[in-house]
Amino acid sequence: MQTPHDDSHDLTIWAYAFGYFAAYAPYSALTKALSSGALPEMEHGIVGFALLPVSAMTSMVGMFVFLSLKRWWRYAAHRQVLGLRVPVPGPWTFLSGLCSAAIIGTTTLAYTLEGASIVFMMLLMRGGVLVIAPVVDALSRRKVRWPSWVALALSLGAVVVASGTEARATLTLVAGLDVGIYLVSYFIRLRAMSRLAKSEDKSLSIRYFVEEQMVATPVLVIVLALVALWGGAGPAADIREGFVGAFSRGTLLEEVLVGLLSQGTGIFGGLILLDSRENAFSVPVNRASSVLAGVVATLGLSWWLGMRGVGGRELAGAVLVMAAMSVLAVPTVLAARRREAAARAALGR
């Protein structure tokens, strides 16, 4: 059983939550606009599978640049390969990287699939991960504190309320597979994080993050390239078009931006989940940020492109999200203030 510790004064997770929100809102809005063909001068939308190649390659470049600028490569395990010392993932981080690659792909596809409401997909994906969080905590023998339970319930309620009557789409085979892969991947990823990285030792979290990230987008790009080369019709043809038609569609800049923003959500979202507190704390912070971003993205698309705006249910969901984040944030902020006051008092003696 893992020893509980008091890290309630740590406010870093809220900076990550803002970064996640700031990346997720334009990412989801731009992906929806591209798939709907709603951008100016677009004659038709881009199929979801065709959006993946450029966005995945851009995400991969963004990952290498970010880790290099942060100088985090040194945290990963290293081996000698052909006389060079290179970073390598461990078995668990490699598996988690594969799951992260699946999450990246299924998240992008969720905003583009035909026959399934985007809001309905968000209900299944966001709600599913919220349900998984305490299960993983129980399996990892982590104590779940009462603010986390309250925020978990409020966050799940927000997703249900925001979906409301919109959650009535037929779940196609592709949509069902998309959700299933997404949830299984998150379960394995959260389990691996709880086992190896959710610790007071920040170096362990950074090591896990680096080793996971160095696997995720390169694997996704390789899989897409192999499918494009040897696949047949259907999704494989769409992926092939995503590669060969990158310069002819006239939306290369927007697709690159989707990839960069997607990597931003991966960076900040991953750092939120690696917070040393229980998953029932970190997952609602992650999910609440994305729900708020979804509301803002919908508002942006309405004002910018005249697409459907935010309904009353979505606004009610946003209020519940704010309540959930307040339940989590207030004890953290108060603990930080008490710690700061105690430190001042100690210095004044």
Protein backbone atom coordinates (compact mmCIF):
# COMPACT_ATOMS: atom_id res chain seq x y z
CA MET A 1 0.00 0.00 0.00
CA GLN A 2 1.35 3.42 -0.95
CA THR A 3 2.01 5.89 1.83
CA PRO A 4 -0.20 9.00 1.63
CA HIS A 5 1.49 12.35 1.73
CA ASP A 6 0.37 15.94 2.01
CA ASP A 7 0.98 17.73 -1.26
CA SER A 8 -2.22 19.76 -1.07
CA HIS A 9 -0.19 22.97 -1.22
CA ASP A 10 1.11 22.18 -4.73
CA LEU A 11 -0.56 24.60 -7.18
CA THR A 12 1.37 23.46 -10.27
CA ILE A 13 -1.47 21.27 -11.48
CA TRP A 14 -3.66 24.36 -11.95
CA ALA A 15 -1.08 25.93 -14.28
CA TYR A 16 -1.10 22.67 -16.26
CA ALA A 17 -4.92 22.74 -16.27
CA PHE A 18 -4.90 26.22 -17.80
CA GLY A 19 -2.39 25.12 -20.43
CA TYR A 20 -4.53 22.09 -21.24
CA PHE A 21 -7.62 24.28 -21.59
CA ALA A 22 -5.76 26.85 -23.72
CA ALA A 23 -4.58 24.15 -26.14
CA TYR A 24 -7.74 22.04 -26.16
CA ALA A 25 -10.24 24.79 -27.05
CA PRO A 26 -8.63 25.82 -30.37
CA TYR A 27 -7.61 22.20 -31.11
CA SER A 28 -11.17 20.88 -30.91
CA ALA A 29 -12.63 23.91 -32.70
CA LEU A 30 -10.17 23.77 -35.60
CA THR A 31 -10.53 19.99 -35.98
CA LYS A 32 -14.32 20.31 -36.13
CA ALA A 33 -14.10 23.18 -38.63
CA LEU A 34 -11.75 21.22 -40.92
CA SER A 35 -13.83 18.04 -40.82
CA SER A 36 -17.02 20.03 -41.48
CA GLY A 37 -15.53 22.04 -44.34
CA ALA A 38 -16.59 25.20 -42.52
CA LEU A 39 -13.42 27.23 -43.03
CA PRO A 40 -13.48 29.98 -45.70
CA GLU A 41 -12.75 28.70 -49.22
CA MET A 42 -13.22 25.04 -48.20
CA GLU A 43 -15.48 23.23 -50.67
CA HIS A 44 -15.87 20.11 -48.53
CA GLY A 45 -14.74 18.71 -45.21
CA ILE A 46 -11.68 16.54 -44.62
CA VAL A 47 -12.29 12.97 -43.51
CA GLY A 48 -11.01 12.28 -40.01
CA PHE A 49 -8.48 9.63 -41.05
CA ALA A 50 -7.07 12.05 -43.64
CA LEU A 51 -6.42 14.61 -40.90
CA LEU A 52 -4.26 12.24 -38.87
CA PRO A 53 -1.00 12.08 -40.92
CA VAL A 54 -0.09 15.79 -40.94
CA SER A 55 -1.29 16.36 -37.36
CA ALA A 56 0.61 13.29 -36.10
CA MET A 57 3.85 14.28 -37.84
CA THR A 58 3.57 17.81 -36.48
CA SER A 59 2.89 16.48 -32.99
CA MET A 60 6.00 14.32 -33.22
CA VAL A 61 8.16 17.30 -34.14
CA GLY A 62 6.55 19.36 -31.39
CA MET A 63 7.33 16.62 -28.86
CA PHE A 64 11.04 16.51 -29.76
CA VAL A 65 11.30 20.31 -29.67
CA PHE A 66 9.54 20.56 -26.29
CA LEU A 67 11.65 17.88 -24.60
CA SER A 68 14.82 19.37 -26.06
CA LEU A 69 14.02 22.91 -24.94
CA LYS A 70 13.17 21.66 -21.44
CA ARG A 71 16.36 19.54 -21.43
CA TRP A 72 14.35 16.62 -20.11
CA TRP A 73 15.99 13.92 -22.23
CA ARG A 74 18.50 13.38 -19.43
CA TYR A 75 15.74 12.02 -17.16
CA ALA A 76 15.06 9.03 -19.42
CA ALA A 77 16.91 5.73 -19.12
CA HIS A 78 19.82 5.48 -21.59
CA ARG A 79 21.65 2.73 -23.43
CA GLN A 80 24.68 2.52 -25.66
CA VAL A 81 23.61 1.96 -29.29
CA LEU A 82 26.36 1.88 -31.94
CA GLY A 83 28.61 3.83 -29.64
CA LEU A 84 25.98 6.48 -28.89
CA ARG A 85 24.18 6.98 -25.60
CA VAL A 86 20.49 7.18 -26.51
CA PRO A 87 17.31 7.48 -24.39
CA VAL A 88 15.16 4.34 -24.25
CA PRO A 89 11.77 3.63 -22.65
CA GLY A 90 11.15 0.93 -20.09
CA PRO A 91 8.53 -1.82 -20.64
CA TRP A 92 5.76 0.03 -18.80
CA THR A 93 6.49 3.42 -20.34
CA PHE A 94 6.67 1.81 -23.79
CA LEU A 95 3.22 0.27 -23.21
CA SER A 96 1.93 3.60 -21.90
CA GLY A 97 3.36 5.33 -24.98
CA LEU A 98 1.45 2.91 -27.22
CA CYS A 99 -1.71 3.74 -25.27
CA SER A 100 -1.01 7.46 -25.56
CA ALA A 101 -0.63 7.05 -29.33
CA ALA A 102 -4.03 5.35 -29.43
CA ILE A 103 -5.55 8.16 -27.34
CA ILE A 104 -4.17 10.83 -29.70
CA GLY A 105 -5.62 9.09 -32.74
CA THR A 106 -9.01 8.24 -31.24
CA THR A 107 -9.47 11.74 -29.79
CA THR A 108 -8.92 13.38 -33.18
CA LEU A 109 -11.23 10.87 -34.90
CA ALA A 110 -13.95 11.44 -32.29
CA TYR A 111 -14.45 14.98 -33.62
CA THR A 112 -14.80 13.83 -37.22
CA LEU A 113 -16.73 10.52 -37.30
CA GLU A 114 -19.97 10.46 -39.25
CA GLY A 115 -23.04 8.90 -37.70
CA ALA A 116 -22.11 9.81 -34.13
CA SER A 117 -22.77 13.09 -32.34
CA ILE A 118 -19.61 14.79 -31.11
CA VAL A 119 -21.32 15.58 -27.81
CA PHE A 120 -22.36 11.95 -27.47
CA MET A 121 -18.78 10.83 -28.07
CA MET A 122 -17.59 13.30 -25.42
CA LEU A 123 -20.11 11.81 -22.97
CA LEU A 124 -18.74 8.31 -23.47
CA MET A 125 -15.07 9.28 -23.52
CA ARG A 126 -14.99 11.87 -20.73
CA GLY A 127 -17.50 10.04 -18.58
CA GLY A 128 -15.76 6.73 -19.12
CA VAL A 129 -12.40 8.04 -17.89
CA LEU A 130 -14.07 9.64 -14.85
CA VAL A 131 -15.51 6.23 -13.94
CA ILE A 132 -12.14 4.56 -14.49
CA ALA A 133 -10.25 6.94 -12.16
CA PRO A 134 -11.46 5.62 -8.76
CA VAL A 135 -11.24 2.03 -10.05
CA VAL A 136 -7.55 2.56 -10.79
CA ASP A 137 -7.09 4.16 -7.35
CA ALA A 138 -8.71 1.14 -5.71
CA LEU A 139 -6.49 -1.26 -7.65
CA SER A 140 -3.44 0.85 -6.73
CA ARG A 141 -4.55 1.03 -3.06
CA ARG A 142 -4.59 4.82 -3.05
CA LYS A 143 -6.73 6.69 -0.56
CA VAL A 144 -9.34 8.91 -2.25
CA ARG A 145 -10.06 12.08 -0.27
CA TRP A 146 -13.56 13.52 -0.01
CA PRO A 147 -13.02 16.60 -2.27
CA SER A 148 -11.99 14.21 -5.04
CA TRP A 149 -15.21 12.18 -4.69
CA VAL A 150 -17.33 15.35 -4.77
CA ALA A 151 -15.47 16.74 -7.79
CA LEU A 152 -15.67 13.37 -9.53
CA ALA A 153 -19.46 13.31 -9.13
CA LEU A 154 -19.82 16.94 -10.26
CA SER A 155 -17.59 16.38 -13.31
CA LEU A 156 -19.48 13.27 -14.35
CA GLY A 157 -22.76 15.15 -13.82
CA ALA A 158 -21.45 18.00 -15.97
CA VAL A 159 -20.73 15.67 -18.88
CA VAL A 160 -24.18 14.06 -18.62
CA VAL A 161 -26.01 17.40 -18.29
CA ALA A 162 -24.04 19.02 -21.12
CA SER A 163 -24.84 16.07 -23.39
CA GLY A 164 -28.51 15.90 -22.44
CA THR A 165 -30.80 15.10 -25.33
CA GLU A 166 -27.90 15.37 -27.78
CA ALA A 167 -26.66 11.97 -26.55
CA ARG A 168 -28.89 10.05 -28.91
CA ALA A 169 -26.63 9.26 -31.84
CA THR A 170 -26.34 5.75 -33.17
CA LEU A 171 -23.03 4.27 -32.12
CA THR A 172 -21.54 2.95 -35.35
CA LEU A 173 -18.97 0.16 -35.41
CA VAL A 174 -16.13 2.61 -36.03
CA ALA A 175 -17.38 4.95 -33.27
CA GLY A 176 -17.74 2.04 -30.86
CA LEU A 177 -14.20 0.86 -31.60
CA ASP A 178 -12.94 4.43 -31.22
CA VAL A 179 -14.45 4.77 -27.72
CA GLY A 180 -13.42 1.27 -26.69
CA ILE A 181 -9.78 1.76 -27.69
CA TYR A 182 -9.74 5.17 -26.01
CA LEU A 183 -11.04 3.87 -22.66
CA VAL A 184 -8.89 0.72 -22.58
CA SER A 185 -5.85 2.85 -23.40
CA TYR A 186 -6.64 5.29 -20.60
CA PHE A 187 -7.12 2.45 -18.11
CA ILE A 188 -3.72 0.93 -18.92
CA ARG A 189 -2.06 4.36 -18.96
CA LEU A 190 -3.49 5.43 -15.58
CA ARG A 191 -2.60 2.05 -14.10
CA ALA A 192 1.01 2.38 -15.31
CA MET A 193 1.27 5.96 -14.02
CA SER A 194 -0.06 4.93 -10.61
CA ARG A 195 2.43 2.07 -10.48
CA LEU A 196 5.55 4.00 -11.49
CA ALA A 197 5.21 7.76 -11.54
CA LYS A 198 2.60 9.29 -9.20
CA SER A 199 5.16 10.13 -6.53
CA GLU A 200 6.56 13.06 -4.56
CA ASP A 201 9.80 12.52 -6.48
CA LYS A 202 9.34 14.84 -9.48
CA SER A 203 12.22 13.20 -11.33
CA LEU A 204 10.20 9.95 -11.51
CA SER A 205 7.24 11.79 -13.05
CA ILE A 206 9.44 13.57 -15.59
CA ARG A 207 11.23 10.33 -16.48
CA TYR A 208 7.89 8.62 -17.07
CA PHE A 209 6.62 11.57 -19.10
CA VAL A 210 9.71 11.65 -21.34
CA GLU A 211 9.79 7.91 -21.96
CA GLU A 212 6.07 7.84 -22.73
CA GLN A 213 6.18 10.86 -25.04
CA MET A 214 9.19 9.57 -27.01
CA VAL A 215 7.10 6.52 -27.92
CA ALA A 216 3.61 7.96 -28.50
CA THR A 217 3.76 10.17 -31.59
CA PRO A 218 6.59 8.30 -33.40
CA VAL A 219 4.59 5.05 -33.08
CA LEU A 220 1.45 6.79 -34.34
CA VAL A 221 3.30 8.18 -37.38
CA ILE A 222 4.87 4.78 -38.17
CA VAL A 223 1.52 2.97 -37.91
CA LEU A 224 -0.17 5.54 -40.17
CA ALA A 225 2.66 5.25 -42.72
CA LEU A 226 2.45 1.43 -42.75
CA VAL A 227 -1.34 1.51 -43.17
CA ALA A 228 -0.99 4.04 -46.01
CA LEU A 229 1.61 1.88 -47.77
CA TRP A 230 0.00 -1.54 -47.41
CA GLY A 231 -3.64 -0.84 -46.62
CA GLY A 232 -6.44 -1.18 -49.15
CA ALA A 233 -9.58 0.91 -49.46
CA GLY A 234 -11.66 2.63 -46.77
CA PRO A 235 -9.77 4.24 -43.87
CA ALA A 236 -6.40 3.19 -45.35
CA ALA A 237 -7.17 5.13 -48.52
CA ASP A 238 -8.13 8.17 -46.43
CA ILE A 239 -4.86 7.95 -44.49
CA ARG A 240 -2.95 7.64 -47.78
CA GLU A 241 -4.71 10.76 -49.03
CA GLY A 242 -3.72 12.48 -45.79
CA PHE A 243 -0.06 11.96 -46.70
CA VAL A 244 -0.06 12.51 -50.47
CA GLY A 245 -2.61 15.33 -50.53
CA ALA A 246 -1.09 17.40 -47.76
CA PHE A 247 -0.03 20.23 -50.11
CA SER A 248 -3.01 20.10 -52.45
CA ARG A 249 -5.88 20.43 -49.96
CA GLY A 250 -5.05 24.07 -49.22
CA THR A 251 -5.32 23.57 -45.45
CA LEU A 252 -1.75 22.56 -44.59
CA LEU A 253 -1.24 25.42 -42.13
CA GLU A 254 -4.46 24.59 -40.29
CA GLU A 255 -3.60 20.87 -40.15
CA VAL A 256 -0.13 21.68 -38.80
CA LEU A 257 -1.76 23.87 -36.17
CA VAL A 258 -4.07 20.99 -35.19
CA GLY A 259 -0.98 18.84 -34.65
CA LEU A 260 0.80 21.43 -32.53
CA LEU A 261 -2.29 22.03 -30.41
CA SER A 262 -2.83 18.28 -30.10
CA GLN A 263 0.70 17.93 -28.75
CA GLY A 264 -0.03 20.78 -26.36
CA THR A 265 -3.00 18.86 -24.97
CA GLY A 266 -0.80 15.78 -24.70
CA ILE A 267 1.91 17.64 -22.78
CA PHE A 268 -0.34 19.46 -20.32
CA GLY A 269 -2.84 16.61 -20.03
CA GLY A 270 -0.06 14.14 -19.27
CA LEU A 271 1.49 16.39 -16.64
CA ILE A 272 -1.91 16.79 -14.96
CA LEU A 273 -2.40 13.02 -14.77
CA LEU A 274 1.12 12.53 -13.37
CA ASP A 275 0.31 14.68 -10.32
CA SER A 276 1.17 12.62 -7.25
CA ARG A 277 -2.33 12.84 -5.79
CA GLU A 278 -4.99 10.20 -6.45
CA ASN A 279 -6.48 9.71 -9.92
CA ALA A 280 -9.87 10.75 -8.52
CA PHE A 281 -8.25 14.19 -8.04
CA SER A 282 -6.14 14.57 -11.19
CA VAL A 283 -8.60 13.04 -13.68
CA PRO A 284 -11.49 15.45 -12.85
CA VAL A 285 -9.05 18.38 -13.23
CA ASN A 286 -8.10 17.01 -16.65
CA ARG A 287 -11.65 16.22 -17.74
CA ALA A 288 -13.12 19.46 -16.39
CA SER A 289 -10.57 21.50 -18.33
CA SER A 290 -11.54 19.72 -21.55
CA VAL A 291 -15.28 20.19 -20.96
CA LEU A 292 -14.78 23.92 -20.41
CA ALA A 293 -12.61 24.01 -23.52
CA GLY A 294 -15.38 22.27 -25.46
CA VAL A 295 -17.88 24.93 -24.45
CA VAL A 296 -15.47 27.72 -25.42
CA ALA A 297 -14.70 25.98 -28.72
CA THR A 298 -18.41 25.74 -29.52
CA LEU A 299 -18.87 29.43 -28.73
CA GLY A 300 -15.90 30.28 -30.95
CA LEU A 301 -17.23 28.27 -33.88
CA SER A 302 -20.62 29.93 -33.48
CA TRP A 303 -19.20 33.47 -33.51
CA TRP A 304 -16.52 32.79 -36.11
CA LEU A 305 -18.22 30.47 -38.60
CA GLY A 306 -21.91 30.61 -37.70
CA MET A 307 -22.03 27.01 -36.54
CA ARG A 308 -24.35 25.79 -33.78
CA GLY A 309 -23.81 27.71 -30.55
CA VAL A 310 -23.79 26.74 -26.89
CA GLY A 311 -27.11 25.50 -25.51
CA GLY A 312 -28.54 25.82 -22.03
CA ARG A 313 -27.50 22.28 -21.09
CA GLU A 314 -23.89 22.95 -22.11
CA LEU A 315 -23.84 26.12 -20.01
CA ALA A 316 -25.29 24.18 -17.05
CA GLY A 317 -22.55 21.60 -17.55
CA ALA A 318 -19.95 24.36 -17.53
CA VAL A 319 -21.32 25.64 -14.20
CA LEU A 320 -21.00 22.14 -12.70
CA VAL A 321 -17.44 21.94 -14.03
CA MET A 322 -16.56 25.22 -12.36
CA ALA A 323 -18.05 23.90 -9.14
CA ALA A 324 -15.96 20.72 -9.43
CA MET A 325 -12.77 22.66 -10.02
CA SER A 326 -13.58 24.94 -7.06
CA VAL A 327 -14.04 21.92 -4.78
CA LEU A 328 -10.59 20.72 -5.80
CA ALA A 329 -8.88 24.12 -5.95
CA VAL A 330 -10.05 25.79 -2.73
CA PRO A 331 -8.45 23.26 -0.31
CA THR A 332 -5.25 23.38 -2.37
CA VAL A 333 -5.07 27.19 -2.34
CA LEU A 334 -5.92 27.40 1.38
CA ALA A 335 -3.24 24.83 2.21
CA ALA A 336 -0.70 26.80 0.18
CA ARG A 337 -1.61 30.00 2.05
CA ARG A 338 -1.32 28.27 5.43
CA ARG A 339 2.08 26.93 4.45
CA GLU A 340 3.21 30.37 3.29
CA ALA A 341 1.97 31.99 6.52
CA ALA A 342 3.75 29.35 8.60
CA ALA A 343 6.97 29.98 6.69
CA ARG A 344 6.68 33.74 7.28
CA ALA A 345 6.04 33.17 10.97
CA ALA A 346 9.09 30.93 11.22
CA LEU A 347 11.27 33.57 9.55
CA GLY A 348 9.92 36.28 11.87
CA ARG A 349 11.03 34.49 15.04
